[in-house]
Amino acid sequence: MSATAITTVVTMMETLPEALQIQVVEHLREYLADLQDEWQWDNSFQQTQSSLGAAARQAKQERAAGLATPMDYERL
C-alpha cells in the first residue's frame, strides 16, 4: 500500500469516534487475515496445478482401461 493510501485511511479513521475506530481495526484485522488465507490457498493450488493435471489424466486413462473401481465413500 502506498504512503498516500495509508495516510488517507489514517485520516479517515481519525474522524471517527474511538469506539468506531476500534471496530474498524477489528474488521480490518479479520479482512486482512481472510485475504492472507486466500492468498495462501491460491499459492498452494498454483504450485500443485501440474500434479493435479497429471493425476486427472492418469485417472482418465485408468478408467478408459477398465482399471478404475467405484469410490467407497464409507472409507473416506
PDB file of N, CA and C in Angstrom:
ATOM      1  N   MET A   1       0.856  -1.163   0.000  1.00  0.00           N
ATOM      2  CA  MET A   1       0.000   0.000   0.000  1.00  0.00           C
ATOM      3  C   MET A   1       0.905   1.229   0.000  1.00  0.00           C
ATOM      4  N   SER A   2       0.556   2.198  -0.802  1.00  0.00           N
ATOM      5  CA  SER A   2       1.378   3.407  -0.890  1.00  0.00           C
ATOM      6  C   SER A   2       1.197   4.273   0.361  1.00  0.00           C
ATOM      7  N   ALA A   3       2.169   5.130   0.577  1.00  0.00           N
ATOM      8  CA  ALA A   3       2.110   6.036   1.733  1.00  0.00           C
ATOM      9  C   ALA A   3       0.885   6.935   1.647  1.00  0.00           C
ATOM     10  N   THR A   4       0.521   7.333   0.432  1.00  0.00           N
ATOM     11  CA  THR A   4      -0.653   8.191   0.257  1.00  0.00           C
ATOM     12  C   THR A   4      -1.921   7.457   0.672  1.00  0.00           C
ATOM     13  N   ALA A   5      -2.039   6.209   0.262  1.00  0.00           N
ATOM     14  CA  ALA A   5      -3.230   5.425   0.616  1.00  0.00           C
ATOM     15  C   ALA A   5      -3.305   5.212   2.122  1.00  0.00           C
ATOM     16  N   ILE A   6      -2.180   4.928   2.739  1.00  0.00           N
ATOM     17  CA  ILE A   6      -2.162   4.720   4.194  1.00  0.00           C
ATOM     18  C   ILE A   6      -2.546   6.012   4.908  1.00  0.00           C
ATOM     19  N   THR A   7      -2.006   7.123   4.447  1.00  0.00           N
ATOM     20  CA  THR A   7      -2.336   8.419   5.040  1.00  0.00           C
ATOM     21  C   THR A   7      -3.827   8.703   4.911  1.00  0.00           C
ATOM     22  N   THR A   8      -4.398   8.390   3.757  1.00  0.00           N
ATOM     23  CA  THR A   8      -5.834   8.599   3.546  1.00  0.00           C
ATOM     24  C   THR A   8      -6.652   7.773   4.530  1.00  0.00           C
ATOM     25  N   VAL A   9      -6.281   6.505   4.707  1.00  0.00           N
ATOM     26  CA  VAL A   9      -7.012   5.639   5.637  1.00  0.00           C
ATOM     27  C   VAL A   9      -6.881   6.163   7.060  1.00  0.00           C
ATOM     28  N   VAL A  10      -5.693   6.549   7.446  1.00  0.00           N
ATOM     29  CA  VAL A  10      -5.487   7.078   8.807  1.00  0.00           C
ATOM     30  C   VAL A  10      -6.308   8.342   9.005  1.00  0.00           C
ATOM     31  N   THR A  11      -6.310   9.237   8.035  1.00  0.00           N
ATOM     32  CA  THR A  11      -7.098  10.468   8.133  1.00  0.00           C
ATOM     33  C   THR A  11      -8.579  10.161   8.282  1.00  0.00           C
ATOM     34  N   MET A  12      -9.071   9.214   7.503  1.00  0.00           N
ATOM     35  CA  MET A  12     -10.473   8.826   7.602  1.00  0.00           C
ATOM     36  C   MET A  12     -10.773   8.237   8.977  1.00  0.00           C
ATOM     37  N   MET A  13      -9.863   7.407   9.472  1.00  0.00           N
ATOM     38  CA  MET A  13     -10.059   6.778  10.788  1.00  0.00           C
ATOM     39  C   MET A  13     -10.083   7.818  11.904  1.00  0.00           C
ATOM     40  N   GLU A  14      -9.244   8.841  11.784  1.00  0.00           N
ATOM     41  CA  GLU A  14      -9.147   9.861  12.836  1.00  0.00           C
ATOM     42  C   GLU A  14     -10.437  10.666  12.977  1.00  0.00           C
ATOM     43  N   THR A  15     -11.263  10.669  11.950  1.00  0.00           N
ATOM     44  CA  THR A  15     -12.522  11.417  12.044  1.00  0.00           C
ATOM     45  C   THR A  15     -13.594  10.641  12.806  1.00  0.00           C
ATOM     46  N   LEU A  16     -13.357   9.370  13.046  1.00  0.00           N
ATOM     47  CA  LEU A  16     -14.338   8.530  13.732  1.00  0.00           C
ATOM     48  C   LEU A  16     -14.147   8.585  15.242  1.00  0.00           C
ATOM     49  N   PRO A  17     -15.219   8.379  15.987  1.00  0.00           N
ATOM     50  CA  PRO A  17     -15.072   8.233  17.448  1.00  0.00           C
ATOM     51  C   PRO A  17     -14.207   7.002  17.754  1.00  0.00           C
ATOM     52  N   GLU A  18     -13.577   7.012  18.899  1.00  0.00           N
ATOM     53  CA  GLU A  18     -12.643   5.934  19.255  1.00  0.00           C
ATOM     54  C   GLU A  18     -13.298   4.555  19.216  1.00  0.00           C
ATOM     55  N   ALA A  19     -14.529   4.452  19.661  1.00  0.00           N
ATOM     56  CA  ALA A  19     -15.207   3.146  19.657  1.00  0.00           C
ATOM     57  C   ALA A  19     -15.345   2.608  18.232  1.00  0.00           C
ATOM     58  N   LEU A  20     -15.662   3.498  17.296  1.00  0.00           N
ATOM     59  CA  LEU A  20     -15.769   3.071  15.896  1.00  0.00           C
ATOM     60  C   LEU A  20     -14.397   2.742  15.314  1.00  0.00           C
ATOM     61  N   GLN A  21     -13.384   3.480  15.724  1.00  0.00           N
ATOM     62  CA  GLN A  21     -12.028   3.179  15.267  1.00  0.00           C
ATOM     63  C   GLN A  21     -11.641   1.755  15.659  1.00  0.00           C
ATOM     64  N   ILE A  22     -11.977   1.377  16.878  1.00  0.00           N
ATOM     65  CA  ILE A  22     -11.671   0.026  17.357  1.00  0.00           C
ATOM     66  C   ILE A  22     -12.412  -1.013  16.522  1.00  0.00           C
ATOM     67  N   GLN A  23     -13.673  -0.722  16.206  1.00  0.00           N
ATOM     68  CA  GLN A  23     -14.446  -1.651  15.364  1.00  0.00           C
ATOM     69  C   GLN A  23     -13.834  -1.782  13.975  1.00  0.00           C
ATOM     70  N   VAL A  24     -13.412  -0.667  13.418  1.00  0.00           N
ATOM     71  CA  VAL A  24     -12.799  -0.694  12.087  1.00  0.00           C
ATOM     72  C   VAL A  24     -11.508  -1.501  12.115  1.00  0.00           C
ATOM     73  N   VAL A  25     -10.713  -1.301  13.139  1.00  0.00           N
ATOM     74  CA  VAL A  25      -9.453  -2.043  13.256  1.00  0.00           C
ATOM     75  C   VAL A  25      -9.722  -3.544  13.340  1.00  0.00           C
ATOM     76  N   GLU A  26     -10.689  -3.941  14.131  1.00  0.00           N
ATOM     77  CA  GLU A  26     -11.024  -5.365  14.246  1.00  0.00           C
ATOM     78  C   GLU A  26     -11.504  -5.921  12.906  1.00  0.00           C
ATOM     79  N   HIS A  27     -12.334  -5.138  12.219  1.00  0.00           N
ATOM     80  CA  HIS A  27     -12.823  -5.557  10.907  1.00  0.00           C
ATOM     81  C   HIS A  27     -11.664  -5.709   9.928  1.00  0.00           C
ATOM     82  N   LEU A  28     -10.743  -4.746   9.927  1.00  0.00           N
ATOM     83  CA  LEU A  28      -9.587  -4.816   9.039  1.00  0.00           C
ATOM     84  C   LEU A  28      -8.711  -6.020   9.362  1.00  0.00           C
ATOM     85  N   ARG A  29      -8.531  -6.317  10.640  1.00  0.00           N
ATOM     86  CA  ARG A  29      -7.733  -7.495  11.019  1.00  0.00           C
ATOM     87  C   ARG A  29      -8.336  -8.767  10.441  1.00  0.00           C
ATOM     88  N   GLU A  30      -9.643  -8.909  10.600  1.00  0.00           N
ATOM     89  CA  GLU A  30     -10.325 -10.096  10.069  1.00  0.00           C
ATOM     90  C   GLU A  30     -10.235 -10.141   8.544  1.00  0.00           C
ATOM     91  N   TYR A  31     -10.461  -9.002   7.921  1.00  0.00           N
ATOM     92  CA  TYR A  31     -10.420  -8.925   6.458  1.00  0.00           C
ATOM     93  C   TYR A  31      -9.032  -9.272   5.934  1.00  0.00           C
ATOM     94  N   LEU A  32      -7.993  -8.705   6.555  1.00  0.00           N
ATOM     95  CA  LEU A  32      -6.625  -8.990   6.134  1.00  0.00           C
ATOM     96  C   LEU A  32      -6.257 -10.454   6.373  1.00  0.00           C
ATOM     97  N   ALA A  33      -6.729 -11.025   7.453  1.00  0.00           N
ATOM     98  CA  ALA A  33      -6.475 -12.445   7.720  1.00  0.00           C
ATOM     99  C   ALA A  33      -7.135 -13.305   6.647  1.00  0.00           C
ATOM    100  N   ASP A  34      -8.358 -12.953   6.251  1.00  0.00           N
ATOM    101  CA  ASP A  34      -9.044 -13.678   5.178  1.00  0.00           C
ATOM    102  C   ASP A  34      -8.286 -13.563   3.855  1.00  0.00           C
ATOM    103  N   LEU A  35      -7.815 -12.349   3.554  1.00  0.00           N
ATOM    104  CA  LEU A  35      -7.046 -12.151   2.324  1.00  0.00           C
ATOM    105  C   LEU A  35      -5.767 -12.984   2.329  1.00  0.00           C
ATOM    106  N   GLN A  36      -5.098 -13.018   3.468  1.00  0.00           N
ATOM    107  CA  GLN A  36      -3.867 -13.809   3.595  1.00  0.00           C
ATOM    108  C   GLN A  36      -4.167 -15.289   3.388  1.00  0.00           C
ATOM    109  N   ASP A  37      -5.250 -15.757   3.983  1.00  0.00           N
ATOM    110  CA  ASP A  37      -5.653 -17.152   3.839  1.00  0.00           C
ATOM    111  C   ASP A  37      -5.945 -17.483   2.378  1.00  0.00           C
ATOM    112  N   GLU A  38      -6.687 -16.611   1.699  1.00  0.00           N
ATOM    113  CA  GLU A  38      -6.990 -16.812   0.278  1.00  0.00           C
ATOM    114  C   GLU A  38      -5.718 -16.843  -0.555  1.00  0.00           C
ATOM    115  N   TRP A  39      -4.791 -15.945  -0.252  1.00  0.00           N
ATOM    116  CA  TRP A  39      -3.536 -15.891  -0.986  1.00  0.00           C
ATOM    117  C   TRP A  39      -2.761 -17.203  -0.803  1.00  0.00           C
ATOM    118  N   GLN A  40      -2.741 -17.717   0.422  1.00  0.00           N
ATOM    119  CA  GLN A  40      -2.033 -18.970   0.684  1.00  0.00           C
ATOM    120  C   GLN A  40      -2.667 -20.130  -0.078  1.00  0.00           C
ATOM    121  N   TRP A  41      -4.013 -20.194  -0.103  1.00  0.00           N
ATOM    122  CA  TRP A  41      -4.691 -21.244  -0.857  1.00  0.00           C
ATOM    123  C   TRP A  41      -4.384 -21.131  -2.343  1.00  0.00           C
ATOM    124  N   ASP A  42      -4.474 -19.915  -2.883  1.00  0.00           N
ATOM    125  CA  ASP A  42      -4.176 -19.702  -4.306  1.00  0.00           C
ATOM    126  C   ASP A  42      -2.754 -20.125  -4.627  1.00  0.00           C
ATOM    127  N   ASN A  43      -1.834 -19.768  -3.764  1.00  0.00           N
ATOM    128  CA  ASN A  43      -0.430 -20.128  -3.957  1.00  0.00           C
ATOM    129  C   ASN A  43      -0.250 -21.646  -3.919  1.00  0.00           C
ATOM    130  N   SER A  44      -0.909 -22.308  -2.985  1.00  0.00           N
ATOM    131  CA  SER A  44      -0.820 -23.772  -2.885  1.00  0.00           C
ATOM    132  C   SER A  44      -1.360 -24.446  -4.140  1.00  0.00           C
ATOM    133  N   PHE A  45      -2.508 -23.971  -4.627  1.00  0.00           N
ATOM    134  CA  PHE A  45      -3.093 -24.566  -5.820  1.00  0.00           C
ATOM    135  C   PHE A  45      -2.223 -24.331  -7.048  1.00  0.00           C
ATOM    136  N   GLN A  46      -1.615 -23.155  -7.153  1.00  0.00           N
ATOM    137  CA  GLN A  46      -0.727 -22.882  -8.287  1.00  0.00           C
ATOM    138  C   GLN A  46       0.466 -23.820  -8.279  1.00  0.00           C
ATOM    139  N   GLN A  47       0.986 -24.110  -7.103  1.00  0.00           N
ATOM    140  CA  GLN A  47       2.158 -24.973  -7.002  1.00  0.00           C
ATOM    141  C   GLN A  47       1.838 -26.429  -7.309  1.00  0.00           C
ATOM    142  N   THR A  48       0.581 -26.833  -7.132  1.00  0.00           N
ATOM    143  CA  THR A  48       0.209 -28.229  -7.350  1.00  0.00           C
ATOM    144  C   THR A  48      -0.590 -28.433  -8.636  1.00  0.00           C
ATOM    145  N   GLN A  49      -0.760 -27.374  -9.439  1.00  0.00           N
ATOM    146  CA  GLN A  49      -1.576 -27.442 -10.640  1.00  0.00           C
ATOM    147  C   GLN A  49      -1.121 -28.560 -11.582  1.00  0.00           C
ATOM    148  N   SER A  50       0.171 -28.651 -11.861  1.00  0.00           N
ATOM    149  CA  SER A  50       0.660 -29.666 -12.798  1.00  0.00           C
ATOM    150  C   SER A  50       0.473 -31.071 -12.231  1.00  0.00           C
ATOM    151  N   SER A  51       0.656 -31.236 -10.928  1.00  0.00           N
ATOM    152  CA  SER A  51       0.460 -32.550 -10.306  1.00  0.00           C
ATOM    153  C   SER A  51      -1.003 -32.970 -10.368  1.00  0.00           C
ATOM    154  N   LEU A  52      -1.906 -32.015 -10.138  1.00  0.00           N
ATOM    155  CA  LEU A  52      -3.329 -32.321 -10.204  1.00  0.00           C
ATOM    156  C   LEU A  52      -3.737 -32.703 -11.621  1.00  0.00           C
ATOM    157  N   GLY A  53      -3.195 -32.004 -12.605  1.00  0.00           N
ATOM    158  CA  GLY A  53      -3.488 -32.324 -14.003  1.00  0.00           C
ATOM    159  C   GLY A  53      -2.995 -33.711 -14.364  1.00  0.00           C
ATOM    160  N   ALA A  54      -1.805 -34.060 -13.915  1.00  0.00           N
ATOM    161  CA  ALA A  54      -1.247 -35.389 -14.192  1.00  0.00           C
ATOM    162  C   ALA A  54      -2.084 -36.472 -13.525  1.00  0.00           C
ATOM    163  N   ALA A  55      -2.536 -36.228 -12.305  1.00  0.00           N
ATOM    164  CA  ALA A  55      -3.368 -37.212 -11.602  1.00  0.00           C
ATOM    165  C   ALA A  55      -4.704 -37.390 -12.319  1.00  0.00           C
ATOM    166  N   ALA A  56      -5.264 -36.302 -12.822  1.00  0.00           N
ATOM    167  CA  ALA A  56      -6.536 -36.386 -13.547  1.00  0.00           C
ATOM    168  C   ALA A  56      -6.365 -37.169 -14.847  1.00  0.00           C
ATOM    169  N   ARG A  57      -5.276 -36.917 -15.571  1.00  0.00           N
ATOM    170  CA  ARG A  57      -5.020 -37.673 -16.813  1.00  0.00           C
ATOM    171  C   ARG A  57      -4.853 -39.156 -16.524  1.00  0.00           C
ATOM    172  N   GLN A  58      -4.128 -39.482 -15.456  1.00  0.00           N
ATOM    173  CA  GLN A  58      -3.921 -40.883 -15.098  1.00  0.00           C
ATOM    174  C   GLN A  58      -5.247 -41.546 -14.737  1.00  0.00           C
ATOM    175  N   ALA A  59      -6.080 -40.842 -14.001  1.00  0.00           N
ATOM    176  CA  ALA A  59      -7.386 -41.395 -13.620  1.00  0.00           C
ATOM    177  C   ALA A  59      -8.243 -41.654 -14.854  1.00  0.00           C
ATOM    178  N   LYS A  60      -8.213 -40.739 -15.817  1.00  0.00           N
ATOM    179  CA  LYS A  60      -8.978 -40.925 -17.060  1.00  0.00           C
ATOM    180  C   LYS A  60      -8.465 -42.146 -17.831  1.00  0.00           C
ATOM    181  N   GLN A  61      -7.150 -42.306 -17.878  1.00  0.00           N
ATOM    182  CA  GLN A  61      -6.560 -43.449 -18.572  1.00  0.00           C
ATOM    183  C   GLN A  61      -6.939 -44.761 -17.892  1.00  0.00           C
ATOM    184  N   GLU A  62      -6.877 -44.774 -16.563  1.00  0.00           N
ATOM    185  CA  GLU A  62      -7.236 -45.981 -15.820  1.00  0.00           C
ATOM    186  C   GLU A  62      -8.709 -46.319 -16.018  1.00  0.00           C
ATOM    187  N   ARG A  63      -9.537 -45.307 -16.044  1.00  0.00           N
ATOM    188  CA  ARG A  63     -10.974 -45.541 -16.255  1.00  0.00           C
ATOM    189  C   ARG A  63     -11.209 -46.096 -17.662  1.00  0.00           C
ATOM    190  N   ALA A  64     -10.545 -45.505 -18.647  1.00  0.00           N
ATOM    191  CA  ALA A  64     -10.697 -45.968 -20.030  1.00  0.00           C
ATOM    192  C   ALA A  64     -10.205 -47.398 -20.187  1.00  0.00           C
ATOM    193  N   ALA A  65      -9.199 -47.770 -19.406  1.00  0.00           N
ATOM    194  CA  ALA A  65      -8.642 -49.125 -19.491  1.00  0.00           C
ATOM    195  C   ALA A  65      -9.417 -50.117 -18.627  1.00  0.00           C
ATOM    196  N   GLY A  66     -10.448 -49.659 -17.959  1.00  0.00           N
ATOM    197  CA  GLY A  66     -11.246 -50.547 -17.111  1.00  0.00           C
ATOM    198  C   GLY A  66     -10.602 -50.870 -15.782  1.00  0.00           C
ATOM    199  N   LEU A  67      -9.629 -50.098 -15.383  1.00  0.00           N
ATOM    200  CA  LEU A  67      -8.908 -50.363 -14.135  1.00  0.00           C
ATOM    201  C   LEU A  67      -9.475 -49.599 -12.944  1.00  0.00           C
ATOM    202  N   ALA A  68     -10.396 -48.684 -13.193  1.00  0.00           N
ATOM    203  CA  ALA A  68     -10.958 -47.875 -12.117  1.00  0.00           C
ATOM    204  C   ALA A  68     -12.021 -48.661 -11.360  1.00  0.00           C
ATOM    205  N   THR A  69     -12.129 -48.377 -10.074  1.00  0.00           N
ATOM    206  CA  THR A  69     -13.160 -49.001  -9.247  1.00  0.00           C
ATOM    207  C   THR A  69     -14.010 -47.901  -8.625  1.00  0.00           C
ATOM    208  N   PRO A  70     -15.279 -48.180  -8.372  1.00  0.00           N
ATOM    209  CA  PRO A  70     -16.132 -47.155  -7.753  1.00  0.00           C
ATOM    210  C   PRO A  70     -15.578 -46.736  -6.392  1.00  0.00           C
ATOM    211  N   MET A  71     -15.754 -45.486  -6.061  1.00  0.00           N
ATOM    212  CA  MET A  71     -15.267 -44.968  -4.789  1.00  0.00           C
ATOM    213  C   MET A  71     -16.126 -45.500  -3.653  1.00  0.00           C
ATOM    214  N   ASP A  72     -15.454 -45.949  -2.605  1.00  0.00           N
ATOM    215  CA  ASP A  72     -16.143 -46.417  -1.405  1.00  0.00           C
ATOM    216  C   ASP A  72     -16.202 -45.248  -0.428  1.00  0.00           C
ATOM    217  N   TYR A  73     -17.326 -44.558  -0.411  1.00  0.00           N
ATOM    218  CA  TYR A  73     -17.454 -43.372   0.420  1.00  0.00           C
ATOM    219  C   TYR A  73     -17.420 -43.697   1.915  1.00  0.00           C
ATOM    220  N   GLU A  74     -17.644 -44.926   2.275  1.00  0.00           N
ATOM    221  CA  GLU A  74     -17.576 -45.320   3.698  1.00  0.00           C
ATOM    222  C   GLU A  74     -16.128 -45.322   4.185  1.00  0.00           C
ATOM    223  N   ARG A  75     -15.183 -45.426   3.269  1.00  0.00           N
ATOM    224  CA  ARG A  75     -13.759 -45.480   3.648  1.00  0.00           C
ATOM    225  C   ARG A  75     -13.145 -44.086   3.767  1.00  0.00           C
ATOM    226  N   LEU A  76     -13.886 -43.045   3.386  1.00  0.00           N
ATOM    227  CA  LEU A  76     -13.346 -41.690   3.476  1.00  0.00           C
ATOM    228  C   LEU A  76     -13.227 -41.257   4.859  1.00  0.00           C
TER     229      LEU A  76
END
